[in-house]
Amino acid sequence: MIEELQRQQEAVAQYMGAFAQLLSGQPGRHDEFIDKVDLLIAGSEPNALRLMQFTNRVRTTQRPVIWIHFMHEEPNVPQIGLVAAAGGQVHIMENCMLWLSKRDSRARLVPDSFKLGAYQFDDELRLRRLQKAPARNFKAARPAMIRAYDRLLEIQAEQRQRGDEFRLPELARAA
């Protein structure tokens, strides 16, 4: 039982490592990323109370919260949400997608309406809001989204091959 829990925690930490690399655009920045971002993997979508807790945490820490959960219908496609401070307010984006251009190594988080801009981490791992989404609709975004999710799987495979190990964020250890 304890060994199974440890394996699950290692798998979660590795997934977080791949996710951190995809959003930062560089390998080896996992610890720095999780020190600046509250990254959570959950079994289900957060409820309204949990979202309020996330907004309070963002107001207190000024660190964005990114949560990831998986649906049974799409077990390989993470459902991503973001709570972030922007313009003196805290914004909740419940349905974000990963988007990766052909020439970039750093993915963006794009709310699914394509009307709310996009979010990208800069070189110092500060989350920046981009006024305009990189695509106008799902159809136009599809190739870059597939590229991002494929790259996430590639990063995971590369990490496994190298034997990379990652620490879990404080919130994950407390859960």
Protein backbone atom coordinates (compact mmCIF):
# COMPACT_ATOMS: atom_id res chain seq x y z
CA MET A 1 0.00 0.00 0.00
CA ILE A 2 2.75 2.45 0.95
CA GLU A 3 4.80 1.41 -2.09
CA GLU A 4 1.80 2.02 -4.37
CA LEU A 5 1.29 5.48 -2.86
CA GLN A 6 4.98 6.24 -3.33
CA ARG A 7 4.79 5.14 -7.00
CA GLN A 8 1.75 7.34 -7.52
CA GLN A 9 3.51 10.32 -5.93
CA GLU A 10 6.55 9.73 -8.13
CA ALA A 11 4.33 9.59 -11.24
CA VAL A 12 2.60 12.83 -10.22
CA ALA A 13 5.96 14.52 -9.55
CA GLN A 14 7.27 13.38 -12.94
CA TYR A 15 4.15 14.68 -14.70
CA MET A 16 4.56 18.00 -12.90
CA GLY A 17 8.19 18.07 -14.02
CA ALA A 18 7.15 17.61 -17.65
CA PHE A 19 4.41 20.21 -17.32
CA ALA A 20 6.85 22.68 -15.74
CA GLN A 21 9.33 22.13 -18.57
CA LEU A 22 6.66 22.65 -21.21
CA LEU A 23 5.47 25.92 -19.65
CA SER A 24 8.96 27.23 -18.83
CA GLY A 25 10.43 26.13 -22.15
CA GLN A 26 13.55 24.71 -20.51
CA PRO A 27 14.54 21.50 -18.77
CA GLY A 28 15.97 21.68 -15.27
CA ARG A 29 13.71 24.41 -13.93
CA HIS A 30 11.18 22.23 -12.11
CA ASP A 31 12.16 23.30 -8.58
CA GLU A 32 12.20 26.97 -9.54
CA PHE A 33 8.84 26.58 -11.30
CA ILE A 34 7.07 24.95 -8.35
CA ASP A 35 8.56 27.57 -6.03
CA LYS A 36 6.84 30.27 -8.11
CA VAL A 37 3.63 28.49 -9.17
CA ASP A 38 1.15 26.40 -7.22
CA LEU A 39 0.78 23.42 -9.53
CA LEU A 40 -1.83 20.86 -8.50
CA ILE A 41 -2.99 17.58 -9.95
CA ALA A 42 -6.43 16.55 -8.78
CA GLY A 43 -8.79 13.68 -9.39
CA SER A 44 -11.63 15.96 -10.39
CA GLU A 45 -12.46 19.52 -11.31
CA PRO A 46 -12.40 21.85 -8.28
CA ASN A 47 -15.75 22.94 -6.87
CA ALA A 48 -16.75 26.55 -6.14
CA LEU A 49 -15.38 26.47 -2.59
CA ARG A 50 -12.02 25.19 -3.80
CA LEU A 51 -11.90 27.90 -6.49
CA MET A 52 -12.49 30.52 -3.79
CA GLN A 53 -9.62 29.03 -1.79
CA PHE A 54 -7.43 29.28 -4.88
CA THR A 55 -8.34 32.95 -5.38
CA ASN A 56 -7.54 33.70 -1.74
CA ARG A 57 -4.21 31.92 -2.10
CA VAL A 58 -3.36 33.95 -5.22
CA ARG A 59 -4.25 37.20 -3.44
CA THR A 60 -2.07 36.23 -0.48
CA THR A 61 0.95 34.82 -2.31
CA GLN A 62 0.71 36.56 -5.71
CA ARG A 63 1.57 33.14 -7.16
CA PRO A 64 -0.65 31.68 -9.87
CA VAL A 65 -2.46 28.40 -9.25
CA ILE A 66 -2.63 25.90 -12.08
CA TRP A 67 -4.70 22.79 -11.55
CA ILE A 68 -4.78 19.74 -13.75
CA HIS A 69 -7.29 16.93 -13.73
CA PHE A 70 -8.18 14.16 -16.14
CA MET A 71 -11.54 13.01 -17.43
CA HIS A 72 -12.34 9.35 -18.04
CA GLU A 73 -13.37 10.15 -21.64
CA GLU A 74 -9.99 11.77 -22.41
CA PRO A 75 -7.41 10.19 -20.07
CA ASN A 76 -4.42 11.49 -22.08
CA VAL A 77 -5.61 15.08 -22.37
CA PRO A 78 -5.24 17.09 -19.18
CA GLN A 79 -8.02 19.48 -18.24
CA ILE A 80 -6.27 22.65 -17.09
CA GLY A 81 -7.45 25.54 -14.99
CA LEU A 82 -5.70 28.73 -13.98
CA VAL A 83 -6.19 31.25 -11.20
CA ALA A 84 -3.95 34.28 -11.63
CA ALA A 85 -3.62 37.91 -10.68
CA ALA A 86 -3.84 40.34 -13.59
CA GLY A 87 -4.53 44.05 -13.58
CA GLY A 88 -5.25 44.20 -9.85
CA GLN A 89 -7.82 41.42 -10.05
CA VAL A 90 -7.76 37.65 -9.69
CA HIS A 91 -9.01 35.78 -12.75
CA ILE A 92 -10.28 32.19 -12.89
CA MET A 93 -9.92 30.35 -16.19
CA GLU A 94 -11.49 26.92 -15.81
CA ASN A 95 -10.82 25.52 -19.28
CA CYS A 96 -7.38 26.26 -20.65
CA MET A 97 -5.56 24.44 -23.40
CA LEU A 98 -1.88 24.08 -24.08
CA TRP A 99 -0.71 25.80 -27.26
CA LEU A 100 2.81 25.47 -28.74
CA SER A 101 4.04 27.16 -31.90
CA LYS A 102 6.39 25.36 -34.30
CA ARG A 103 9.31 27.62 -33.43
CA ASP A 104 8.90 27.86 -29.66
CA SER A 105 9.76 25.53 -26.79
CA ARG A 106 7.50 27.33 -24.29
CA ALA A 107 3.79 26.53 -24.33
CA ARG A 108 1.01 29.00 -23.61
CA LEU A 109 -2.19 28.48 -21.67
CA VAL A 110 -5.16 29.56 -23.78
CA PRO A 111 -8.68 29.83 -22.31
CA ASP A 112 -11.04 27.85 -24.52
CA SER A 113 -13.17 30.81 -25.59
CA PHE A 114 -10.17 32.32 -27.44
CA LYS A 115 -11.54 35.74 -26.42
CA LEU A 116 -9.62 36.12 -23.17
CA GLY A 117 -6.08 36.27 -24.51
CA ALA A 118 -3.47 33.77 -23.39
CA TYR A 119 -1.01 33.27 -20.56
CA GLN A 120 2.70 32.56 -20.87
CA PHE A 121 5.61 32.38 -18.45
CA ASP A 122 8.53 34.70 -19.15
CA ASP A 123 12.22 33.89 -18.64
CA GLU A 124 11.94 34.67 -14.90
CA LEU A 125 8.88 32.38 -14.67
CA ARG A 126 6.47 35.23 -14.10
CA LEU A 127 3.09 34.58 -15.63
CA ARG A 128 2.21 37.18 -18.25
CA ARG A 129 -1.20 37.77 -19.75
CA LEU A 130 -1.17 38.24 -23.50
CA GLN A 131 -4.05 40.38 -24.72
CA LYS A 132 -4.68 38.31 -27.81
CA ALA A 133 -5.03 34.54 -28.09
CA PRO A 134 -2.62 32.95 -30.59
CA ALA A 135 -5.59 31.61 -32.58
CA ARG A 136 -9.15 32.77 -33.17
CA ASN A 137 -10.90 29.46 -32.62
CA PHE A 138 -10.45 25.80 -31.83
CA LYS A 139 -10.04 24.77 -35.46
CA ALA A 140 -7.23 27.28 -36.02
CA ALA A 141 -5.57 26.31 -32.73
CA ARG A 142 -5.80 22.55 -33.22
CA PRO A 143 -2.35 21.91 -34.82
CA ALA A 144 -0.54 23.92 -32.12
CA MET A 145 -2.58 22.24 -29.39
CA ILE A 146 -1.74 18.77 -30.71
CA ARG A 147 1.91 19.83 -30.88
CA ALA A 148 1.80 20.94 -27.23
CA TYR A 149 0.20 17.75 -25.92
CA ASP A 150 2.55 15.60 -28.03
CA ARG A 151 5.51 17.55 -26.67
CA LEU A 152 4.28 16.99 -23.11
CA LEU A 153 4.31 13.22 -23.74
CA GLU A 154 7.78 13.46 -25.33
CA ILE A 155 9.14 15.34 -22.31
CA GLN A 156 7.77 12.67 -19.99
CA ALA A 157 9.44 9.93 -22.05
CA GLU A 158 12.75 11.84 -22.09
CA GLN A 159 12.61 12.28 -18.32
CA ARG A 160 11.89 8.59 -17.74
CA GLN A 161 14.76 7.63 -20.05
CA ARG A 162 17.17 9.90 -18.14
CA GLY A 163 15.84 8.75 -14.77
CA ASP A 164 14.94 12.29 -13.69
CA GLU A 165 13.41 12.65 -10.25
CA PHE A 166 11.30 15.57 -9.08
CA ARG A 167 10.10 16.77 -5.72
CA LEU A 168 6.42 17.26 -5.10
CA PRO A 169 5.20 20.78 -4.32
CA GLU A 170 4.33 21.52 -0.69
CA LEU A 171 0.59 21.49 -1.42
CA ALA A 172 0.83 18.05 -3.02
CA ARG A 173 2.72 16.61 -0.04
CA ALA A 174 0.08 18.02 2.30
CA ALA A 175 -2.82 16.48 0.35
